[in-house]
Protein backbone atom coordinates (compact mmCIF):
# COMPACT_ATOMS: atom_id res chain seq x y z
CA UNK A 1 0.00 0.00 0.00
CA UNK A 2 2.87 2.37 0.66
CA UNK A 3 4.97 1.46 -2.37
CA UNK A 4 5.00 3.93 -5.25
CA UNK A 5 5.66 2.98 -8.86
CA UNK A 6 9.10 4.11 -10.13
CA UNK A 7 10.00 5.36 -6.63
CA UNK A 8 9.92 2.20 -4.49
CA UNK A 9 9.59 -0.43 -7.23
CA UNK A 10 9.50 -0.88 -10.97
CA UNK A 11 11.12 -2.66 -13.88
CA UNK A 12 14.74 -1.60 -14.20
CA UNK A 13 14.98 0.63 -17.31
CA UNK A 14 18.73 0.01 -17.69
CA UNK A 15 19.29 -2.11 -20.84
CA UNK A 16 22.34 -3.76 -19.22
CA UNK A 17 20.07 -5.15 -16.53
CA UNK A 18 18.50 -8.18 -18.18
CA UNK A 19 15.67 -8.82 -15.72
CA UNK A 20 12.05 -8.27 -16.69
CA UNK A 21 10.69 -8.57 -13.14
CA UNK A 22 10.07 -5.59 -10.87
CA UNK A 23 12.87 -4.76 -8.44
CA UNK A 24 13.14 -2.41 -5.45
CA UNK A 25 14.14 1.18 -6.24
CA UNK A 26 16.36 3.37 -4.06
CA UNK A 27 14.93 6.65 -5.40
CA UNK A 28 12.87 7.85 -8.35
CA UNK A 29 13.95 5.85 -11.42
CA UNK A 30 17.01 4.46 -9.58
CA UNK A 31 16.80 0.69 -9.31
CA UNK A 32 18.68 -1.00 -6.50
CA UNK A 33 21.38 -3.08 -8.18
CA UNK A 34 21.46 -6.86 -7.69
CA UNK A 35 18.33 -6.99 -5.55
CA UNK A 36 14.91 -8.51 -5.82
CA UNK A 37 11.88 -8.77 -3.59
CA UNK A 38 12.22 -11.36 -0.85
CA UNK A 39 8.75 -12.80 -1.23
CA UNK A 40 7.95 -14.22 -4.69
CA UNK A 41 4.29 -13.14 -4.57
CA UNK A 42 5.31 -9.53 -3.95
CA UNK A 43 7.64 -9.68 -6.94
CA UNK A 44 4.91 -11.09 -9.18
CA UNK A 45 2.28 -8.55 -8.14
CA UNK A 46 4.62 -5.55 -8.38
CA UNK A 47 5.81 -6.76 -11.79
CA UNK A 48 2.24 -6.87 -13.04
CA UNK A 49 1.50 -3.43 -11.61
CA UNK A 50 4.69 -2.05 -13.17
CA UNK A 51 3.69 -3.19 -16.63
CA UNK A 52 0.09 -2.00 -16.18
CA UNK A 53 1.33 1.47 -15.22
CA UNK A 54 4.22 1.72 -17.67
CA UNK A 55 2.86 -0.21 -20.61
CA UNK A 56 4.94 -2.17 -23.08
CA UNK A 57 7.81 -0.89 -25.18
CA UNK A 58 7.88 -1.20 -28.97
CA UNK A 59 10.28 -4.13 -28.70
CA UNK A 60 8.03 -5.92 -26.21
CA UNK A 61 4.98 -5.34 -28.38
CA UNK A 62 6.89 -6.62 -31.40
CA UNK A 63 7.71 -9.79 -29.42
CA UNK A 64 4.00 -10.25 -28.64
CA UNK A 65 2.90 -9.79 -32.24
CA UNK A 66 5.67 -12.02 -33.58
CA UNK A 67 4.73 -14.78 -31.17
CA UNK A 68 1.06 -14.31 -31.96
CA UNK A 69 1.63 -14.62 -35.71
CA UNK A 70 4.19 -17.45 -35.61
CA UNK A 71 3.49 -19.64 -32.58
CA UNK A 72 -0.22 -19.49 -31.83
CA UNK A 73 -2.67 -21.97 -33.35
CA UNK A 74 -5.48 -19.45 -33.72
CA UNK A 75 -4.08 -15.91 -33.56
CA UNK A 76 -7.36 -14.39 -34.68
CA UNK A 77 -9.14 -15.45 -31.48
CA UNK A 78 -6.42 -13.96 -29.27
CA UNK A 79 -6.29 -10.77 -31.34
CA UNK A 80 -10.08 -10.42 -31.08
CA UNK A 81 -9.77 -10.58 -27.28
CA UNK A 82 -7.16 -7.82 -27.41
CA UNK A 83 -9.09 -5.55 -29.76
CA UNK A 84 -12.39 -6.05 -27.89
CA UNK A 85 -11.02 -3.97 -24.99
CA UNK A 86 -10.36 -0.95 -27.21
CA UNK A 87 -12.93 1.74 -27.92
CA UNK A 88 -13.93 2.20 -31.55
CA UNK A 89 -12.20 5.05 -33.35
CA UNK A 90 -10.67 5.66 -36.78
CA UNK A 91 -7.52 3.74 -35.93
CA UNK A 92 -9.38 0.75 -34.50
CA UNK A 93 -11.51 0.44 -37.64
CA UNK A 94 -8.31 0.01 -39.71
CA UNK A 95 -6.97 -2.77 -37.46
CA UNK A 96 -10.24 -4.32 -36.25
CA UNK A 97 -9.49 -7.77 -37.65
CA UNK A 98 -6.34 -9.87 -37.51
CA UNK A 99 -6.16 -10.14 -41.31
CA UNK A 100 -5.89 -6.33 -41.53
CA UNK A 101 -2.68 -6.38 -39.48
CA UNK A 102 0.54 -6.19 -41.49
CA UNK A 103 3.55 -6.47 -39.18
CA UNK A 104 5.93 -5.61 -42.04
CA UNK A 105 4.28 -2.19 -42.46
CA UNK A 106 6.29 0.10 -40.18
CA UNK A 107 3.71 2.89 -40.39
CA UNK A 108 0.90 0.60 -39.25
CA UNK A 109 3.06 -0.75 -36.41
CA UNK A 110 4.26 2.61 -35.09
CA UNK A 111 1.16 4.72 -35.74
CA UNK A 112 -1.71 2.29 -35.18
CA UNK A 113 -0.85 -1.03 -33.53
CA UNK A 114 1.70 -0.09 -30.89
CA UNK A 115 -0.03 3.07 -29.59
CA UNK A 116 -3.33 1.18 -29.44
CA UNK A 117 -2.03 -1.89 -27.59
CA UNK A 118 0.76 -0.38 -25.45
CA UNK A 119 -1.40 -0.30 -22.30
CA UNK A 120 -3.92 -2.99 -23.24
CA UNK A 121 -4.36 -5.27 -20.22
CA UNK A 122 -4.82 -8.41 -22.34
CA UNK A 123 -1.63 -7.74 -24.32
CA UNK A 124 0.31 -7.03 -21.12
CA UNK A 125 -0.99 -10.27 -19.59
CA UNK A 126 0.02 -12.11 -22.78
CA UNK A 127 3.52 -10.63 -22.54
CA UNK A 128 3.83 -11.49 -18.86
CA UNK A 129 2.57 -15.06 -19.32
CA UNK A 130 4.73 -15.82 -22.36
CA UNK A 131 7.92 -13.83 -21.85
CA UNK A 132 8.33 -12.63 -18.27
CA UNK A 133 7.01 -15.26 -15.88
CA UNK A 134 8.32 -18.39 -17.65
CA UNK A 135 11.77 -16.83 -17.98
CA UNK A 136 12.05 -15.05 -14.64
CA UNK A 137 10.22 -17.22 -12.15
CA UNK A 138 12.22 -20.08 -10.80
CA UNK A 139 10.10 -23.17 -10.34
CA UNK A 140 11.34 -26.42 -8.89
CA UNK A 141 9.62 -29.80 -9.18
CA UNK A 142 10.14 -30.65 -5.51
CA UNK A 143 10.48 -28.74 -2.29
CA UNK A 144 13.57 -29.73 -0.34
CA UNK A 145 12.88 -30.01 3.36
CA UNK A 146 15.15 -31.44 6.01
CA UNK A 147 15.12 -31.04 9.75
CA UNK A 148 17.97 -31.82 12.16
CA UNK A 149 16.23 -35.15 12.80
CA UNK A 150 16.54 -36.08 9.13
CA UNK A 151 20.20 -35.10 8.97
CA UNK A 152 21.24 -37.03 12.06
CA UNK A 153 19.12 -40.13 11.55
CA UNK A 154 20.99 -43.41 12.07
CA UNK A 155 19.06 -44.92 9.14
CA UNK A 156 21.03 -42.70 6.74
CA UNK A 157 23.85 -44.55 5.05
CA UNK A 158 25.34 -41.55 3.22
CA UNK A 159 26.97 -38.52 4.75
CA UNK A 160 24.57 -35.58 4.86
CA UNK A 161 25.39 -31.91 4.80
CA UNK A 162 23.13 -29.45 6.56
CA UNK A 163 23.00 -25.70 6.50
CA UNK A 164 21.88 -23.07 8.92
CA UNK A 165 19.73 -20.07 8.26
CA UNK A 166 16.36 -21.03 9.64
CA UNK A 167 15.36 -21.23 13.25
CA UNK A 168 13.10 -24.28 13.31
CA UNK A 169 13.28 -24.73 17.07
CA UNK A 170 12.09 -21.27 18.07
CA UNK A 171 8.61 -22.56 18.95
CA UNK A 172 9.93 -25.60 20.87
CA UNK A 173 12.75 -24.25 22.99
CA UNK A 174 12.41 -21.64 25.74
CA UNK A 175 13.61 -18.14 24.96
C-alpha atoms as a PDB file:
ATOM      1  CA  UNK A   1       0.000   0.000   0.000  1.00  0.00           C
ATOM      2  CA  UNK A   2       2.873   2.367   0.655  1.00  0.00           C
ATOM      3  CA  UNK A   3       4.965   1.456  -2.373  1.00  0.00           C
ATOM      4  CA  UNK A   4       4.997   3.926  -5.251  1.00  0.00           C
ATOM      5  CA  UNK A   5       5.664   2.975  -8.857  1.00  0.00           C
ATOM      6  CA  UNK A   6       9.102   4.106 -10.126  1.00  0.00           C
ATOM      7  CA  UNK A   7      10.001   5.364  -6.633  1.00  0.00           C
ATOM      8  CA  UNK A   8       9.919   2.197  -4.495  1.00  0.00           C
ATOM      9  CA  UNK A   9       9.588  -0.431  -7.231  1.00  0.00           C
ATOM     10  CA  UNK A  10       9.503  -0.883 -10.967  1.00  0.00           C
ATOM     11  CA  UNK A  11      11.116  -2.662 -13.880  1.00  0.00           C
ATOM     12  CA  UNK A  12      14.737  -1.600 -14.198  1.00  0.00           C
ATOM     13  CA  UNK A  13      14.981   0.630 -17.305  1.00  0.00           C
ATOM     14  CA  UNK A  14      18.730   0.008 -17.687  1.00  0.00           C
ATOM     15  CA  UNK A  15      19.289  -2.112 -20.836  1.00  0.00           C
ATOM     16  CA  UNK A  16      22.343  -3.759 -19.224  1.00  0.00           C
ATOM     17  CA  UNK A  17      20.067  -5.153 -16.532  1.00  0.00           C
ATOM     18  CA  UNK A  18      18.503  -8.182 -18.183  1.00  0.00           C
ATOM     19  CA  UNK A  19      15.673  -8.820 -15.723  1.00  0.00           C
ATOM     20  CA  UNK A  20      12.055  -8.271 -16.685  1.00  0.00           C
ATOM     21  CA  UNK A  21      10.688  -8.569 -13.137  1.00  0.00           C
ATOM     22  CA  UNK A  22      10.069  -5.594 -10.869  1.00  0.00           C
ATOM     23  CA  UNK A  23      12.867  -4.760  -8.443  1.00  0.00           C
ATOM     24  CA  UNK A  24      13.139  -2.409  -5.452  1.00  0.00           C
ATOM     25  CA  UNK A  25      14.136   1.177  -6.245  1.00  0.00           C
ATOM     26  CA  UNK A  26      16.359   3.372  -4.060  1.00  0.00           C
ATOM     27  CA  UNK A  27      14.935   6.647  -5.405  1.00  0.00           C
ATOM     28  CA  UNK A  28      12.868   7.847  -8.352  1.00  0.00           C
ATOM     29  CA  UNK A  29      13.954   5.845 -11.420  1.00  0.00           C
ATOM     30  CA  UNK A  30      17.013   4.459  -9.585  1.00  0.00           C
ATOM     31  CA  UNK A  31      16.802   0.693  -9.309  1.00  0.00           C
ATOM     32  CA  UNK A  32      18.680  -1.001  -6.503  1.00  0.00           C
ATOM     33  CA  UNK A  33      21.385  -3.081  -8.178  1.00  0.00           C
ATOM     34  CA  UNK A  34      21.459  -6.859  -7.691  1.00  0.00           C
ATOM     35  CA  UNK A  35      18.328  -6.987  -5.551  1.00  0.00           C
ATOM     36  CA  UNK A  36      14.914  -8.509  -5.820  1.00  0.00           C
ATOM     37  CA  UNK A  37      11.880  -8.765  -3.592  1.00  0.00           C
ATOM     38  CA  UNK A  38      12.223 -11.364  -0.854  1.00  0.00           C
ATOM     39  CA  UNK A  39       8.753 -12.796  -1.233  1.00  0.00           C
ATOM     40  CA  UNK A  40       7.945 -14.216  -4.693  1.00  0.00           C
ATOM     41  CA  UNK A  41       4.294 -13.140  -4.572  1.00  0.00           C
ATOM     42  CA  UNK A  42       5.315  -9.529  -3.950  1.00  0.00           C
ATOM     43  CA  UNK A  43       7.640  -9.677  -6.942  1.00  0.00           C
ATOM     44  CA  UNK A  44       4.907 -11.087  -9.184  1.00  0.00           C
ATOM     45  CA  UNK A  45       2.278  -8.548  -8.140  1.00  0.00           C
ATOM     46  CA  UNK A  46       4.620  -5.553  -8.384  1.00  0.00           C
ATOM     47  CA  UNK A  47       5.809  -6.765 -11.789  1.00  0.00           C
ATOM     48  CA  UNK A  48       2.244  -6.873 -13.040  1.00  0.00           C
ATOM     49  CA  UNK A  49       1.495  -3.429 -11.605  1.00  0.00           C
ATOM     50  CA  UNK A  50       4.691  -2.049 -13.167  1.00  0.00           C
ATOM     51  CA  UNK A  51       3.690  -3.193 -16.634  1.00  0.00           C
ATOM     52  CA  UNK A  52       0.094  -2.005 -16.178  1.00  0.00           C
ATOM     53  CA  UNK A  53       1.331   1.473 -15.217  1.00  0.00           C
ATOM     54  CA  UNK A  54       4.222   1.724 -17.671  1.00  0.00           C
ATOM     55  CA  UNK A  55       2.858  -0.207 -20.608  1.00  0.00           C
ATOM     56  CA  UNK A  56       4.940  -2.174 -23.077  1.00  0.00           C
ATOM     57  CA  UNK A  57       7.814  -0.890 -25.184  1.00  0.00           C
ATOM     58  CA  UNK A  58       7.884  -1.196 -28.967  1.00  0.00           C
ATOM     59  CA  UNK A  59      10.284  -4.127 -28.698  1.00  0.00           C
ATOM     60  CA  UNK A  60       8.035  -5.925 -26.207  1.00  0.00           C
ATOM     61  CA  UNK A  61       4.976  -5.336 -28.381  1.00  0.00           C
ATOM     62  CA  UNK A  62       6.887  -6.624 -31.399  1.00  0.00           C
ATOM     63  CA  UNK A  63       7.706  -9.785 -29.423  1.00  0.00           C
ATOM     64  CA  UNK A  64       4.004 -10.253 -28.641  1.00  0.00           C
ATOM     65  CA  UNK A  65       2.895  -9.793 -32.236  1.00  0.00           C
ATOM     66  CA  UNK A  66       5.674 -12.015 -33.585  1.00  0.00           C
ATOM     67  CA  UNK A  67       4.732 -14.784 -31.172  1.00  0.00           C
ATOM     68  CA  UNK A  68       1.061 -14.308 -31.964  1.00  0.00           C
ATOM     69  CA  UNK A  69       1.631 -14.623 -35.714  1.00  0.00           C
ATOM     70  CA  UNK A  70       4.190 -17.449 -35.608  1.00  0.00           C
ATOM     71  CA  UNK A  71       3.487 -19.637 -32.585  1.00  0.00           C
ATOM     72  CA  UNK A  72      -0.221 -19.492 -31.833  1.00  0.00           C
ATOM     73  CA  UNK A  73      -2.672 -21.970 -33.348  1.00  0.00           C
ATOM     74  CA  UNK A  74      -5.476 -19.450 -33.725  1.00  0.00           C
ATOM     75  CA  UNK A  75      -4.077 -15.907 -33.559  1.00  0.00           C
ATOM     76  CA  UNK A  76      -7.362 -14.387 -34.678  1.00  0.00           C
ATOM     77  CA  UNK A  77      -9.142 -15.451 -31.477  1.00  0.00           C
ATOM     78  CA  UNK A  78      -6.423 -13.956 -29.273  1.00  0.00           C
ATOM     79  CA  UNK A  79      -6.293 -10.768 -31.336  1.00  0.00           C
ATOM     80  CA  UNK A  80     -10.083 -10.416 -31.078  1.00  0.00           C
ATOM     81  CA  UNK A  81      -9.767 -10.576 -27.276  1.00  0.00           C
ATOM     82  CA  UNK A  82      -7.162  -7.825 -27.411  1.00  0.00           C
ATOM     83  CA  UNK A  83      -9.090  -5.545 -29.755  1.00  0.00           C
ATOM     84  CA  UNK A  84     -12.386  -6.045 -27.890  1.00  0.00           C
ATOM     85  CA  UNK A  85     -11.019  -3.969 -24.986  1.00  0.00           C
ATOM     86  CA  UNK A  86     -10.360  -0.955 -27.205  1.00  0.00           C
ATOM     87  CA  UNK A  87     -12.926   1.737 -27.925  1.00  0.00           C
ATOM     88  CA  UNK A  88     -13.930   2.200 -31.549  1.00  0.00           C
ATOM     89  CA  UNK A  89     -12.202   5.054 -33.351  1.00  0.00           C
ATOM     90  CA  UNK A  90     -10.672   5.663 -36.783  1.00  0.00           C
ATOM     91  CA  UNK A  91      -7.520   3.736 -35.929  1.00  0.00           C
ATOM     92  CA  UNK A  92      -9.380   0.749 -34.504  1.00  0.00           C
ATOM     93  CA  UNK A  93     -11.506   0.443 -37.641  1.00  0.00           C
ATOM     94  CA  UNK A  94      -8.307   0.011 -39.711  1.00  0.00           C
ATOM     95  CA  UNK A  95      -6.973  -2.774 -37.462  1.00  0.00           C
ATOM     96  CA  UNK A  96     -10.236  -4.317 -36.253  1.00  0.00           C
ATOM     97  CA  UNK A  97      -9.495  -7.774 -37.651  1.00  0.00           C
ATOM     98  CA  UNK A  98      -6.341  -9.867 -37.508  1.00  0.00           C
ATOM     99  CA  UNK A  99      -6.156 -10.137 -41.312  1.00  0.00           C
ATOM    100  CA  UNK A 100      -5.891  -6.326 -41.529  1.00  0.00           C
ATOM    101  CA  UNK A 101      -2.679  -6.383 -39.483  1.00  0.00           C
ATOM    102  CA  UNK A 102       0.543  -6.194 -41.485  1.00  0.00           C
ATOM    103  CA  UNK A 103       3.550  -6.467 -39.182  1.00  0.00           C
ATOM    104  CA  UNK A 104       5.928  -5.611 -42.040  1.00  0.00           C
ATOM    105  CA  UNK A 105       4.284  -2.195 -42.457  1.00  0.00           C
ATOM    106  CA  UNK A 106       6.295   0.102 -40.181  1.00  0.00           C
ATOM    107  CA  UNK A 107       3.708   2.892 -40.391  1.00  0.00           C
ATOM    108  CA  UNK A 108       0.901   0.598 -39.249  1.00  0.00           C
ATOM    109  CA  UNK A 109       3.057  -0.748 -36.406  1.00  0.00           C
ATOM    110  CA  UNK A 110       4.260   2.612 -35.086  1.00  0.00           C
ATOM    111  CA  UNK A 111       1.160   4.719 -35.735  1.00  0.00           C
ATOM    112  CA  UNK A 112      -1.711   2.288 -35.179  1.00  0.00           C
ATOM    113  CA  UNK A 113      -0.845  -1.032 -33.527  1.00  0.00           C
ATOM    114  CA  UNK A 114       1.700  -0.087 -30.886  1.00  0.00           C
ATOM    115  CA  UNK A 115      -0.029   3.072 -29.592  1.00  0.00           C
ATOM    116  CA  UNK A 116      -3.331   1.176 -29.445  1.00  0.00           C
ATOM    117  CA  UNK A 117      -2.032  -1.885 -27.590  1.00  0.00           C
ATOM    118  CA  UNK A 118       0.756  -0.376 -25.451  1.00  0.00           C
ATOM    119  CA  UNK A 119      -1.401  -0.296 -22.296  1.00  0.00           C
ATOM    120  CA  UNK A 120      -3.921  -2.989 -23.238  1.00  0.00           C
ATOM    121  CA  UNK A 121      -4.361  -5.273 -20.221  1.00  0.00           C
ATOM    122  CA  UNK A 122      -4.823  -8.410 -22.344  1.00  0.00           C
ATOM    123  CA  UNK A 123      -1.634  -7.738 -24.318  1.00  0.00           C
ATOM    124  CA  UNK A 124       0.307  -7.030 -21.120  1.00  0.00           C
ATOM    125  CA  UNK A 125      -0.985 -10.271 -19.595  1.00  0.00           C
ATOM    126  CA  UNK A 126       0.017 -12.112 -22.781  1.00  0.00           C
ATOM    127  CA  UNK A 127       3.518 -10.630 -22.542  1.00  0.00           C
ATOM    128  CA  UNK A 128       3.828 -11.495 -18.857  1.00  0.00           C
ATOM    129  CA  UNK A 129       2.575 -15.058 -19.317  1.00  0.00           C
ATOM    130  CA  UNK A 130       4.725 -15.818 -22.363  1.00  0.00           C
ATOM    131  CA  UNK A 131       7.920 -13.827 -21.852  1.00  0.00           C
ATOM    132  CA  UNK A 132       8.333 -12.632 -18.269  1.00  0.00           C
ATOM    133  CA  UNK A 133       7.010 -15.256 -15.875  1.00  0.00           C
ATOM    134  CA  UNK A 134       8.324 -18.393 -17.650  1.00  0.00           C
ATOM    135  CA  UNK A 135      11.773 -16.828 -17.980  1.00  0.00           C
ATOM    136  CA  UNK A 136      12.053 -15.046 -14.639  1.00  0.00           C
ATOM    137  CA  UNK A 137      10.219 -17.221 -12.151  1.00  0.00           C
ATOM    138  CA  UNK A 138      12.218 -20.084 -10.799  1.00  0.00           C
ATOM    139  CA  UNK A 139      10.103 -23.171 -10.338  1.00  0.00           C
ATOM    140  CA  UNK A 140      11.341 -26.422  -8.886  1.00  0.00           C
ATOM    141  CA  UNK A 141       9.618 -29.803  -9.183  1.00  0.00           C
ATOM    142  CA  UNK A 142      10.139 -30.653  -5.511  1.00  0.00           C
ATOM    143  CA  UNK A 143      10.485 -28.739  -2.290  1.00  0.00           C
ATOM    144  CA  UNK A 144      13.565 -29.730  -0.342  1.00  0.00           C
ATOM    145  CA  UNK A 145      12.876 -30.008   3.356  1.00  0.00           C
ATOM    146  CA  UNK A 146      15.151 -31.437   6.008  1.00  0.00           C
ATOM    147  CA  UNK A 147      15.121 -31.045   9.754  1.00  0.00           C
ATOM    148  CA  UNK A 148      17.970 -31.817  12.158  1.00  0.00           C
ATOM    149  CA  UNK A 149      16.232 -35.146  12.796  1.00  0.00           C
ATOM    150  CA  UNK A 150      16.541 -36.082   9.131  1.00  0.00           C
ATOM    151  CA  UNK A 151      20.196 -35.097   8.969  1.00  0.00           C
ATOM    152  CA  UNK A 152      21.244 -37.035  12.064  1.00  0.00           C
ATOM    153  CA  UNK A 153      19.122 -40.131  11.551  1.00  0.00           C
ATOM    154  CA  UNK A 154      20.988 -43.409  12.066  1.00  0.00           C
ATOM    155  CA  UNK A 155      19.064 -44.917   9.142  1.00  0.00           C
ATOM    156  CA  UNK A 156      21.032 -42.705   6.736  1.00  0.00           C
ATOM    157  CA  UNK A 157      23.854 -44.547   5.048  1.00  0.00           C
ATOM    158  CA  UNK A 158      25.336 -41.549   3.222  1.00  0.00           C
ATOM    159  CA  UNK A 159      26.975 -38.519   4.749  1.00  0.00           C
ATOM    160  CA  UNK A 160      24.567 -35.583   4.858  1.00  0.00           C
ATOM    161  CA  UNK A 161      25.393 -31.907   4.795  1.00  0.00           C
ATOM    162  CA  UNK A 162      23.129 -29.454   6.560  1.00  0.00           C
ATOM    163  CA  UNK A 163      23.002 -25.703   6.504  1.00  0.00           C
ATOM    164  CA  UNK A 164      21.881 -23.066   8.923  1.00  0.00           C
ATOM    165  CA  UNK A 165      19.733 -20.072   8.255  1.00  0.00           C
ATOM    166  CA  UNK A 166      16.358 -21.034   9.637  1.00  0.00           C
ATOM    167  CA  UNK A 167      15.355 -21.226  13.251  1.00  0.00           C
ATOM    168  CA  UNK A 168      13.095 -24.277  13.309  1.00  0.00           C
ATOM    169  CA  UNK A 169      13.281 -24.729  17.070  1.00  0.00           C
ATOM    170  CA  UNK A 170      12.087 -21.271  18.072  1.00  0.00           C
ATOM    171  CA  UNK A 171       8.615 -22.561  18.950  1.00  0.00           C
ATOM    172  CA  UNK A 172       9.927 -25.599  20.866  1.00  0.00           C
ATOM    173  CA  UNK A 173      12.750 -24.250  22.986  1.00  0.00           C
ATOM    174  CA  UNK A 174      12.405 -21.638  25.735  1.00  0.00           C
ATOM    175  CA  UNK A 175      13.612 -18.141  24.958  1.00  0.00           C
END
